[in-house]
N, C-alpha and C. Protein backbone atom coordinates (compact mmCIF):
# COMPACT_ATOMS: atom_id res chain seq x y z
N PRO A 1 96.38 48.23 8.49
CA PRO A 1 97.42 47.29 8.85
C PRO A 1 96.87 45.98 9.41
N GLY A 2 96.18 45.96 10.53
CA GLY A 2 95.70 44.70 11.12
C GLY A 2 94.32 44.36 10.66
N ASP A 3 93.91 43.12 10.90
CA ASP A 3 92.54 42.68 10.59
C ASP A 3 91.61 43.24 11.64
N THR A 4 90.59 43.96 11.23
CA THR A 4 89.65 44.57 12.17
C THR A 4 88.28 43.91 12.16
N VAL A 5 88.15 42.74 11.53
CA VAL A 5 86.88 42.03 11.49
C VAL A 5 86.51 41.65 12.91
N GLY A 6 85.31 42.01 13.32
CA GLY A 6 84.84 41.68 14.66
C GLY A 6 85.22 42.72 15.71
N LEU A 7 85.94 43.74 15.34
CA LEU A 7 86.34 44.77 16.31
C LEU A 7 85.11 45.58 16.67
N GLN A 8 84.75 45.59 17.95
CA GLN A 8 83.58 46.31 18.42
C GLN A 8 83.95 47.47 19.34
N ALA A 9 85.10 47.37 19.98
CA ALA A 9 85.52 48.40 20.93
C ALA A 9 87.01 48.31 21.13
N ILE A 10 87.56 49.32 21.75
CA ILE A 10 88.99 49.32 22.12
C ILE A 10 89.04 49.66 23.60
N GLY A 11 89.70 48.80 24.35
CA GLY A 11 89.89 49.04 25.77
C GLY A 11 91.21 49.72 26.02
N LYS A 12 91.21 50.69 26.90
CA LYS A 12 92.42 51.42 27.26
C LYS A 12 92.71 51.18 28.73
N MET A 13 93.93 50.79 29.04
CA MET A 13 94.31 50.58 30.42
C MET A 13 95.57 51.37 30.73
N ARG A 14 95.48 52.05 31.85
CA ARG A 14 96.68 52.81 32.31
C ARG A 14 97.21 52.09 33.54
N ARG A 15 98.45 51.69 33.50
CA ARG A 15 99.09 50.97 34.62
C ARG A 15 100.05 51.92 35.32
N VAL A 16 99.97 51.95 36.62
CA VAL A 16 100.91 52.73 37.42
C VAL A 16 101.62 51.77 38.33
N ARG A 17 102.95 51.81 38.35
CA ARG A 17 103.73 50.90 39.16
C ARG A 17 104.70 51.71 40.02
N GLU A 18 104.69 51.41 41.31
CA GLU A 18 105.63 52.03 42.23
C GLU A 18 106.55 50.96 42.76
N MET A 19 107.84 51.23 42.63
CA MET A 19 108.84 50.25 43.08
C MET A 19 110.11 50.98 43.44
N ALA A 20 110.60 50.73 44.63
CA ALA A 20 111.85 51.33 45.13
C ALA A 20 111.79 52.86 45.03
N GLY A 21 110.65 53.44 45.38
CA GLY A 21 110.52 54.87 45.37
C GLY A 21 110.35 55.53 44.00
N LYS A 22 110.28 54.73 42.96
CA LYS A 22 110.09 55.26 41.62
C LYS A 22 108.73 54.85 41.08
N THR A 23 108.10 55.77 40.34
CA THR A 23 106.80 55.51 39.75
C THR A 23 106.93 55.48 38.24
N SER A 24 106.33 54.46 37.62
CA SER A 24 106.29 54.40 36.16
C SER A 24 104.85 54.24 35.72
N CYS A 25 104.52 54.80 34.57
CA CYS A 25 103.17 54.72 34.01
C CYS A 25 103.25 54.13 32.61
N GLU A 26 102.25 53.33 32.26
CA GLU A 26 102.18 52.74 30.95
C GLU A 26 100.69 52.69 30.53
N THR A 27 100.44 53.05 29.29
CA THR A 27 99.10 52.97 28.73
C THR A 27 99.10 51.90 27.64
N THR A 28 98.13 50.98 27.74
CA THR A 28 98.02 49.92 26.73
C THR A 28 96.60 49.92 26.18
N TYR A 29 96.46 49.41 24.96
CA TYR A 29 95.18 49.34 24.28
C TYR A 29 94.89 47.89 23.89
N TYR A 30 93.62 47.49 24.04
CA TYR A 30 93.22 46.13 23.73
C TYR A 30 92.07 46.18 22.71
N PRO A 31 92.17 45.41 21.62
CA PRO A 31 91.02 45.29 20.71
C PRO A 31 89.98 44.37 21.35
N LEU A 32 88.72 44.76 21.31
CA LEU A 32 87.67 43.99 21.97
C LEU A 32 86.59 43.59 20.94
N SER A 33 86.06 42.39 21.08
CA SER A 33 85.02 41.93 20.17
C SER A 33 83.63 42.33 20.66
N ALA A 34 83.56 42.93 21.85
CA ALA A 34 82.30 43.42 22.39
C ALA A 34 82.58 44.57 23.36
N PRO A 35 81.68 45.53 23.44
CA PRO A 35 81.87 46.61 24.44
C PRO A 35 81.75 45.99 25.85
N LEU A 36 82.58 46.44 26.76
CA LEU A 36 82.59 45.93 28.13
C LEU A 36 82.53 47.08 29.13
N SER A 37 81.99 46.79 30.29
CA SER A 37 82.03 47.79 31.37
C SER A 37 83.49 47.92 31.81
N PRO A 38 83.85 49.04 32.40
CA PRO A 38 85.24 49.18 32.91
C PRO A 38 85.61 48.06 33.88
N GLU A 39 84.66 47.66 34.73
CA GLU A 39 84.93 46.63 35.72
C GLU A 39 85.21 45.28 35.06
N ARG A 40 84.39 44.93 34.06
CA ARG A 40 84.56 43.64 33.37
C ARG A 40 85.87 43.66 32.54
N PHE A 41 86.14 44.78 31.89
CA PHE A 41 87.38 44.88 31.13
C PHE A 41 88.59 44.69 32.04
N ALA A 42 88.57 45.31 33.23
CA ALA A 42 89.68 45.16 34.17
C ALA A 42 89.84 43.70 34.61
N GLN A 43 88.70 43.01 34.87
CA GLN A 43 88.77 41.59 35.26
C GLN A 43 89.43 40.76 34.18
N ILE A 44 89.00 40.98 32.93
CA ILE A 44 89.52 40.17 31.83
C ILE A 44 91.02 40.45 31.59
N ALA A 45 91.38 41.71 31.61
CA ALA A 45 92.82 42.05 31.40
C ALA A 45 93.67 41.49 32.50
N ARG A 46 93.23 41.59 33.76
CA ARG A 46 94.01 41.03 34.88
C ARG A 46 94.12 39.51 34.76
N ALA A 47 93.03 38.86 34.41
CA ALA A 47 93.06 37.40 34.26
C ALA A 47 94.04 37.00 33.16
N HIS A 48 94.02 37.71 32.04
CA HIS A 48 94.94 37.39 30.96
C HIS A 48 96.38 37.50 31.42
N TRP A 49 96.75 38.59 32.07
CA TRP A 49 98.14 38.78 32.48
C TRP A 49 98.48 37.89 33.65
N GLY A 50 97.51 37.51 34.47
CA GLY A 50 97.77 36.57 35.56
C GLY A 50 98.19 35.21 34.99
N VAL A 51 97.48 34.75 33.96
CA VAL A 51 97.81 33.47 33.31
C VAL A 51 99.18 33.60 32.61
N GLU A 52 99.38 34.72 31.94
CA GLU A 52 100.62 34.92 31.20
C GLU A 52 101.85 35.03 32.10
N ASN A 53 101.70 35.69 33.23
CA ASN A 53 102.86 35.99 34.06
C ASN A 53 103.15 34.93 35.12
N GLN A 54 102.15 34.17 35.53
CA GLN A 54 102.36 33.22 36.63
C GLN A 54 103.55 32.29 36.44
N PRO A 55 103.63 31.52 35.32
CA PRO A 55 104.79 30.63 35.17
C PRO A 55 106.12 31.40 35.10
N HIS A 56 106.12 32.54 34.44
CA HIS A 56 107.35 33.31 34.30
C HIS A 56 107.79 33.86 35.65
N TRP A 57 106.85 34.35 36.43
CA TRP A 57 107.18 34.90 37.74
C TRP A 57 107.72 33.78 38.65
N CYS A 58 107.08 32.63 38.63
CA CYS A 58 107.53 31.50 39.46
C CYS A 58 108.93 31.06 39.08
N LEU A 59 109.17 30.97 37.76
CA LEU A 59 110.52 30.56 37.33
C LEU A 59 111.56 31.58 37.72
N ASP A 60 111.27 32.85 37.60
CA ASP A 60 112.24 33.85 37.94
C ASP A 60 112.47 33.86 39.46
N LEU A 61 111.38 33.80 40.24
CA LEU A 61 111.52 33.84 41.68
C LEU A 61 112.24 32.60 42.20
N THR A 62 111.87 31.44 41.71
CA THR A 62 112.41 30.18 42.20
C THR A 62 113.78 29.87 41.65
N MET A 63 113.96 30.14 40.35
CA MET A 63 115.20 29.72 39.66
C MET A 63 116.08 30.90 39.24
N ASN A 64 115.69 32.12 39.60
CA ASN A 64 116.45 33.29 39.21
C ASN A 64 116.69 33.29 37.68
N GLU A 65 115.64 32.98 36.93
CA GLU A 65 115.77 32.75 35.50
C GLU A 65 116.21 33.98 34.73
N ASP A 66 115.89 35.17 35.19
CA ASP A 66 116.24 36.37 34.46
C ASP A 66 117.70 36.79 34.64
N ALA A 67 118.41 36.13 35.54
CA ALA A 67 119.83 36.45 35.73
C ALA A 67 120.64 35.94 34.52
N PRO A 68 121.75 36.61 34.20
CA PRO A 68 122.56 36.13 33.09
C PRO A 68 123.02 34.70 33.30
N CYS A 69 123.03 33.93 32.23
CA CYS A 69 123.48 32.54 32.34
C CYS A 69 124.18 32.13 31.05
N ASN A 70 124.55 30.89 30.97
CA ASN A 70 125.24 30.38 29.81
C ASN A 70 124.39 30.57 28.55
N GLY A 71 124.86 31.38 27.61
CA GLY A 71 124.10 31.62 26.41
C GLY A 71 124.68 30.97 25.19
N LEU A 72 125.56 30.00 25.38
CA LEU A 72 126.20 29.36 24.24
C LEU A 72 125.50 28.06 23.87
N GLY A 73 125.44 27.78 22.59
CA GLY A 73 124.91 26.49 22.07
C GLY A 73 123.52 26.21 22.59
N ASN A 74 123.32 25.00 23.11
CA ASN A 74 122.02 24.56 23.62
C ASN A 74 121.81 24.91 25.09
N GLY A 75 122.75 25.66 25.66
CA GLY A 75 122.70 26.00 27.09
C GLY A 75 121.38 26.58 27.54
N PRO A 76 120.88 27.64 26.91
CA PRO A 76 119.62 28.23 27.35
C PRO A 76 118.44 27.27 27.29
N GLU A 77 118.35 26.50 26.22
CA GLU A 77 117.26 25.55 26.08
C GLU A 77 117.35 24.46 27.16
N ASN A 78 118.56 23.94 27.36
CA ASN A 78 118.78 22.91 28.36
C ASN A 78 118.41 23.40 29.76
N LEU A 79 118.84 24.61 30.10
CA LEU A 79 118.53 25.15 31.40
C LEU A 79 117.02 25.38 31.54
N ALA A 80 116.37 25.83 30.50
CA ALA A 80 114.91 26.03 30.56
C ALA A 80 114.17 24.70 30.84
N VAL A 81 114.61 23.64 30.19
CA VAL A 81 113.99 22.32 30.41
C VAL A 81 114.23 21.87 31.85
N LEU A 82 115.46 22.03 32.34
CA LEU A 82 115.77 21.62 33.72
C LEU A 82 114.98 22.42 34.73
N ARG A 83 114.82 23.73 34.48
CA ARG A 83 114.03 24.58 35.40
C ARG A 83 112.57 24.14 35.43
N GLN A 84 112.02 23.85 34.26
CA GLN A 84 110.62 23.41 34.20
C GLN A 84 110.46 22.09 34.96
N MET A 85 111.40 21.19 34.82
CA MET A 85 111.33 19.92 35.52
C MET A 85 111.41 20.15 37.03
N ALA A 86 112.31 20.99 37.47
CA ALA A 86 112.45 21.28 38.89
C ALA A 86 111.20 21.95 39.43
N LEU A 87 110.62 22.85 38.66
CA LEU A 87 109.41 23.52 39.08
C LEU A 87 108.27 22.52 39.24
N ASN A 88 108.17 21.55 38.32
CA ASN A 88 107.15 20.51 38.43
C ASN A 88 107.33 19.67 39.71
N VAL A 89 108.57 19.38 40.07
CA VAL A 89 108.84 18.62 41.30
C VAL A 89 108.40 19.47 42.50
N LEU A 90 108.74 20.75 42.49
CA LEU A 90 108.32 21.62 43.60
C LEU A 90 106.80 21.74 43.69
N ARG A 91 106.12 21.80 42.57
CA ARG A 91 104.67 21.87 42.59
C ARG A 91 104.06 20.61 43.18
N ALA A 92 104.68 19.48 42.89
CA ALA A 92 104.12 18.20 43.38
C ALA A 92 104.31 18.02 44.89
N ASP A 93 105.34 18.62 45.47
CA ASP A 93 105.61 18.46 46.90
C ASP A 93 105.30 19.75 47.64
N ARG A 94 104.12 19.85 48.19
CA ARG A 94 103.70 21.06 48.89
C ARG A 94 103.97 20.94 50.39
N SER A 95 104.52 19.84 50.85
CA SER A 95 104.67 19.60 52.29
C SER A 95 105.60 20.60 52.96
N LYS A 96 106.56 21.12 52.27
CA LYS A 96 107.55 22.00 52.90
C LYS A 96 107.31 23.46 52.52
N GLY A 97 106.22 23.76 51.86
CA GLY A 97 105.92 25.13 51.45
C GLY A 97 106.94 25.69 50.49
N THR A 98 107.46 24.82 49.61
CA THR A 98 108.48 25.26 48.66
C THR A 98 107.97 25.98 47.47
N TYR A 99 106.66 25.96 47.26
CA TYR A 99 106.09 26.58 46.05
C TYR A 99 104.83 27.30 46.46
N PRO A 100 104.60 28.50 45.95
CA PRO A 100 103.39 29.25 46.32
C PRO A 100 102.12 28.46 45.96
N LYS A 101 101.18 28.50 46.87
CA LYS A 101 99.88 27.83 46.63
C LYS A 101 99.06 28.63 45.67
N ARG A 102 98.26 27.99 44.87
CA ARG A 102 97.37 28.67 43.93
C ARG A 102 96.03 28.90 44.53
């Protein structure tokens, strides 16, 4: 099915999450172009998801983006643009602690 050129190893990660007294487990697999130590593989996977999740987490935390909203016409796109603009303003003004520091 997929292109395997350059595939040298497969990384396996098991994630365990505890929230509100409930535990969930998830196993994911990553195609790797080189064999890695478990420590290095964990660093790379965490860095990838940190980059991927940071803007989404900030938008949801600051703008409650995952809550239901107007889904008609251009509404979702317009709200996404406004949220990004507001987030940029918050990032620029750190004087009041309105945005998490990086």
